[in-house]
């Protein structure tokens, strides 16, 4: 019971933070693309992190969740939908 109360307290504190500061999932990408996406987001000024899900599920490739601040969610989804830019010189 103590763990549940502790976790509920953490979640309540997150809800009371400034509007837009909450961390949300912008999308999921293949694991091999996750760091490319984080760098693409950083190039447009969006702070992002990739959370790796290492295991393959039902034969699908491993994926990563891209996490951003709520205020950047719309812009981050646009960048993720466009995909990371190809390397220079190609």
N, C-alpha and C. Protein backbone atom coordinates (compact mmCIF):
# COMPACT_ATOMS: atom_id res chain seq x y z
N UNK A 1 0.82 -1.19 0.00
CA UNK A 1 0.00 0.00 0.00
C UNK A 1 0.87 1.26 0.00
N UNK A 2 2.02 1.24 0.65
CA UNK A 2 2.88 2.41 0.71
C UNK A 2 3.38 2.82 -0.67
N UNK A 3 3.69 1.84 -1.51
CA UNK A 3 4.20 2.13 -2.85
C UNK A 3 3.11 2.82 -3.68
N UNK A 4 1.90 2.34 -3.56
CA UNK A 4 0.78 2.96 -4.30
C UNK A 4 0.59 4.42 -3.91
N UNK A 5 0.65 4.68 -2.63
CA UNK A 5 0.48 6.05 -2.13
C UNK A 5 1.63 6.94 -2.62
N UNK A 6 2.85 6.40 -2.59
CA UNK A 6 4.02 7.14 -3.05
C UNK A 6 3.89 7.49 -4.54
N UNK A 7 3.49 6.50 -5.35
CA UNK A 7 3.33 6.72 -6.78
C UNK A 7 2.22 7.73 -7.07
N UNK A 8 1.12 7.63 -6.34
CA UNK A 8 0.02 8.59 -6.52
C UNK A 8 0.49 10.01 -6.17
N UNK A 9 1.33 10.13 -5.16
CA UNK A 9 1.88 11.44 -4.79
C UNK A 9 2.75 12.02 -5.90
N UNK A 10 3.55 11.18 -6.52
CA UNK A 10 4.39 11.64 -7.63
C UNK A 10 3.54 12.11 -8.80
N UNK A 11 2.51 11.37 -9.12
CA UNK A 11 1.64 11.73 -10.23
C UNK A 11 0.90 13.03 -9.95
N UNK A 12 0.46 13.22 -8.72
CA UNK A 12 -0.24 14.45 -8.35
C UNK A 12 0.67 15.67 -8.47
N UNK A 13 1.95 15.51 -8.07
CA UNK A 13 2.89 16.61 -8.17
C UNK A 13 3.14 16.97 -9.63
N UNK A 14 3.19 15.97 -10.51
CA UNK A 14 3.39 16.23 -11.93
C UNK A 14 2.24 17.01 -12.53
N UNK A 15 1.03 16.76 -12.03
CA UNK A 15 -0.15 17.44 -12.56
C UNK A 15 -0.16 18.91 -12.16
N UNK A 16 0.50 19.26 -11.06
CA UNK A 16 0.46 20.63 -10.59
C UNK A 16 1.59 21.47 -11.14
N UNK A 17 2.42 20.93 -12.03
CA UNK A 17 3.51 21.71 -12.61
C UNK A 17 2.94 22.74 -13.59
N UNK A 18 3.80 23.61 -14.07
CA UNK A 18 3.37 24.67 -14.99
C UNK A 18 2.76 24.06 -16.25
N UNK A 19 1.78 24.74 -16.85
CA UNK A 19 1.17 24.23 -18.07
C UNK A 19 2.22 24.05 -19.17
N UNK A 20 2.18 22.92 -19.81
CA UNK A 20 3.12 22.65 -20.89
C UNK A 20 4.40 21.97 -20.46
N UNK A 21 4.67 21.89 -19.16
CA UNK A 21 5.90 21.27 -18.68
C UNK A 21 5.78 19.76 -18.51
N UNK A 22 4.58 19.25 -18.60
CA UNK A 22 4.36 17.82 -18.45
C UNK A 22 5.02 17.09 -19.61
N UNK A 23 5.64 15.94 -19.35
CA UNK A 23 6.29 15.14 -20.39
C UNK A 23 5.29 14.15 -20.95
N UNK A 24 5.16 14.13 -22.28
CA UNK A 24 4.19 13.27 -22.95
C UNK A 24 4.88 12.53 -24.09
N UNK A 25 4.23 11.48 -24.58
CA UNK A 25 4.75 10.71 -25.70
C UNK A 25 4.33 11.37 -27.01
N UNK A 26 5.32 11.66 -27.85
CA UNK A 26 5.04 12.26 -29.16
C UNK A 26 4.80 11.18 -30.20
N UNK A 27 5.33 10.00 -29.98
CA UNK A 27 5.14 8.92 -30.93
C UNK A 27 6.11 7.78 -30.67
N UNK A 28 5.97 6.74 -31.46
CA UNK A 28 6.87 5.59 -31.37
C UNK A 28 7.52 5.39 -32.72
N UNK A 29 8.80 5.07 -32.69
CA UNK A 29 9.56 4.83 -33.92
C UNK A 29 10.36 3.55 -33.74
N UNK A 30 10.88 3.04 -34.86
CA UNK A 30 11.75 1.86 -34.77
C UNK A 30 12.96 2.23 -33.92
N UNK A 31 13.47 1.26 -33.20
CA UNK A 31 14.57 1.52 -32.28
C UNK A 31 15.77 2.12 -33.00
N UNK A 32 16.08 1.64 -34.20
CA UNK A 32 17.25 2.15 -34.91
C UNK A 32 17.08 3.60 -35.33
N UNK A 33 15.84 4.09 -35.44
CA UNK A 33 15.59 5.48 -35.82
C UNK A 33 15.49 6.44 -34.65
N UNK A 34 15.44 5.92 -33.43
CA UNK A 34 15.12 6.75 -32.28
C UNK A 34 16.10 7.90 -32.07
N UNK A 35 17.40 7.63 -32.13
CA UNK A 35 18.36 8.72 -31.90
C UNK A 35 18.40 9.70 -33.06
N UNK A 36 18.12 9.22 -34.28
CA UNK A 36 18.02 10.13 -35.42
C UNK A 36 16.88 11.12 -35.20
N UNK A 37 15.76 10.62 -34.68
CA UNK A 37 14.61 11.47 -34.41
C UNK A 37 14.90 12.46 -33.29
N UNK A 38 15.58 12.02 -32.24
CA UNK A 38 15.93 12.93 -31.14
C UNK A 38 16.81 14.06 -31.66
N UNK A 39 17.78 13.74 -32.53
CA UNK A 39 18.66 14.77 -33.11
C UNK A 39 17.88 15.70 -34.03
N UNK A 40 16.95 15.15 -34.82
CA UNK A 40 16.12 15.98 -35.71
C UNK A 40 15.28 16.96 -34.89
N UNK A 41 14.75 16.50 -33.76
CA UNK A 41 13.96 17.37 -32.89
C UNK A 41 14.84 18.44 -32.25
N UNK A 42 16.05 18.08 -31.86
CA UNK A 42 16.97 19.04 -31.25
C UNK A 42 17.34 20.14 -32.25
N UNK A 43 17.44 19.80 -33.52
CA UNK A 43 17.79 20.80 -34.55
C UNK A 43 16.73 21.89 -34.68
N UNK A 44 15.49 21.58 -34.35
CA UNK A 44 14.43 22.59 -34.41
C UNK A 44 14.10 23.15 -33.02
N UNK A 45 14.95 22.86 -32.04
CA UNK A 45 14.80 23.43 -30.70
C UNK A 45 13.87 22.70 -29.76
N UNK A 46 13.58 21.43 -30.04
CA UNK A 46 12.70 20.65 -29.17
C UNK A 46 13.53 19.67 -28.37
N UNK A 47 13.44 19.76 -27.05
CA UNK A 47 14.14 18.84 -26.17
C UNK A 47 13.37 17.52 -26.12
N UNK A 48 14.01 16.42 -26.49
CA UNK A 48 13.34 15.13 -26.56
C UNK A 48 14.24 14.03 -26.03
N UNK A 49 13.63 12.96 -25.60
CA UNK A 49 14.34 11.76 -25.14
C UNK A 49 13.68 10.54 -25.75
N UNK A 50 14.47 9.53 -26.01
CA UNK A 50 13.94 8.26 -26.52
C UNK A 50 14.01 7.23 -25.40
N UNK A 51 12.92 6.52 -25.20
CA UNK A 51 12.87 5.44 -24.21
C UNK A 51 12.78 4.15 -24.99
N UNK A 52 13.82 3.34 -24.87
CA UNK A 52 13.92 2.11 -25.65
C UNK A 52 13.07 0.99 -25.08
N UNK A 53 12.38 0.29 -25.97
CA UNK A 53 11.69 -0.96 -25.64
C UNK A 53 12.47 -2.03 -26.39
N UNK A 54 13.37 -2.71 -25.70
CA UNK A 54 14.32 -3.58 -26.38
C UNK A 54 13.72 -4.83 -26.99
N UNK A 55 12.68 -5.39 -26.41
CA UNK A 55 12.18 -6.66 -26.88
C UNK A 55 11.35 -6.56 -28.14
N UNK A 56 11.41 -7.56 -28.95
CA UNK A 56 10.53 -7.63 -30.11
C UNK A 56 9.21 -8.25 -29.65
N UNK A 57 8.12 -7.73 -30.15
CA UNK A 57 6.81 -8.22 -29.77
C UNK A 57 6.11 -8.75 -31.00
N UNK A 58 5.72 -9.98 -30.97
CA UNK A 58 4.97 -10.61 -32.06
C UNK A 58 5.68 -10.46 -33.41
N UNK A 59 6.99 -10.55 -33.40
CA UNK A 59 7.75 -10.48 -34.64
C UNK A 59 7.95 -9.08 -35.19
N UNK A 60 7.45 -8.06 -34.50
CA UNK A 60 7.65 -6.68 -34.94
C UNK A 60 9.00 -6.18 -34.43
N UNK A 61 9.64 -5.28 -35.14
CA UNK A 61 10.94 -4.77 -34.68
C UNK A 61 10.80 -3.99 -33.37
N UNK A 62 11.88 -3.95 -32.63
CA UNK A 62 11.90 -3.20 -31.36
C UNK A 62 11.64 -1.73 -31.64
N UNK A 63 10.94 -1.09 -30.73
CA UNK A 63 10.54 0.31 -30.92
C UNK A 63 11.01 1.16 -29.75
N UNK A 64 10.95 2.45 -29.92
CA UNK A 64 11.28 3.40 -28.87
C UNK A 64 10.19 4.46 -28.81
N UNK A 65 9.93 4.94 -27.61
CA UNK A 65 8.96 6.01 -27.41
C UNK A 65 9.72 7.33 -27.38
N UNK A 66 9.26 8.32 -28.13
CA UNK A 66 9.87 9.65 -28.14
C UNK A 66 9.06 10.53 -27.20
N UNK A 67 9.73 11.05 -26.17
CA UNK A 67 9.08 11.85 -25.14
C UNK A 67 9.49 13.31 -25.27
N UNK A 68 8.50 14.21 -25.20
CA UNK A 68 8.74 15.66 -25.30
C UNK A 68 7.88 16.37 -24.26
N UNK A 69 8.14 17.68 -24.09
CA UNK A 69 7.26 18.49 -23.24
C UNK A 69 5.95 18.71 -23.98
N UNK A 70 4.88 18.80 -23.22
CA UNK A 70 3.54 18.95 -23.79
C UNK A 70 3.44 20.17 -24.70
N UNK A 71 4.13 21.25 -24.35
CA UNK A 71 4.06 22.47 -25.16
C UNK A 71 4.66 22.28 -26.55
N UNK A 72 5.55 21.28 -26.72
CA UNK A 72 6.21 21.01 -28.01
C UNK A 72 5.57 19.86 -28.78
N UNK A 73 4.47 19.32 -28.29
CA UNK A 73 3.91 18.09 -28.84
C UNK A 73 3.52 18.21 -30.31
N UNK A 74 2.82 19.24 -30.69
CA UNK A 74 2.35 19.39 -32.07
C UNK A 74 3.53 19.52 -33.02
N UNK A 75 4.49 20.36 -32.68
CA UNK A 75 5.67 20.55 -33.54
C UNK A 75 6.49 19.26 -33.62
N UNK A 76 6.61 18.56 -32.50
CA UNK A 76 7.38 17.31 -32.49
C UNK A 76 6.73 16.26 -33.39
N UNK A 77 5.42 16.17 -33.36
CA UNK A 77 4.74 15.19 -34.22
C UNK A 77 4.93 15.53 -35.69
N UNK A 78 4.96 16.82 -36.02
CA UNK A 78 5.23 17.21 -37.41
C UNK A 78 6.62 16.75 -37.85
N UNK A 79 7.61 16.93 -36.98
CA UNK A 79 8.98 16.53 -37.30
C UNK A 79 9.05 15.01 -37.42
N UNK A 80 8.41 14.28 -36.51
CA UNK A 80 8.45 12.82 -36.56
C UNK A 80 7.73 12.29 -37.81
N UNK A 81 6.66 12.93 -38.19
CA UNK A 81 5.93 12.50 -39.40
C UNK A 81 6.77 12.71 -40.65
N UNK A 82 7.57 13.80 -40.67
CA UNK A 82 8.42 14.09 -41.82
C UNK A 82 9.61 13.13 -41.86
N UNK A 83 10.02 12.61 -40.70
CA UNK A 83 11.17 11.72 -40.64
C UNK A 83 12.46 12.50 -40.54
N UNK A 84 13.52 11.87 -40.05
CA UNK A 84 14.81 12.56 -39.92
C UNK A 84 15.37 12.87 -41.31
N UNK A 85 16.12 13.95 -41.38
CA UNK A 85 16.74 14.35 -42.65
C UNK A 85 17.82 13.35 -43.04
N UNK A 86 18.00 13.11 -44.34
CA UNK A 86 19.05 12.22 -44.77
C UNK A 86 20.42 12.81 -44.48
N UNK A 87 21.45 11.98 -44.33
CA UNK A 87 22.80 12.50 -44.06
C UNK A 87 23.26 13.43 -45.18
N UNK A 88 24.10 14.39 -44.82
CA UNK A 88 24.60 15.35 -45.81
C UNK A 88 25.41 14.63 -46.87
N UNK A 89 25.27 15.08 -48.11
CA UNK A 89 26.04 14.49 -49.20
C UNK A 89 25.35 13.34 -49.90
N UNK A 90 24.08 13.07 -49.55
CA UNK A 90 23.36 11.97 -50.22
C UNK A 90 22.27 12.51 -51.10
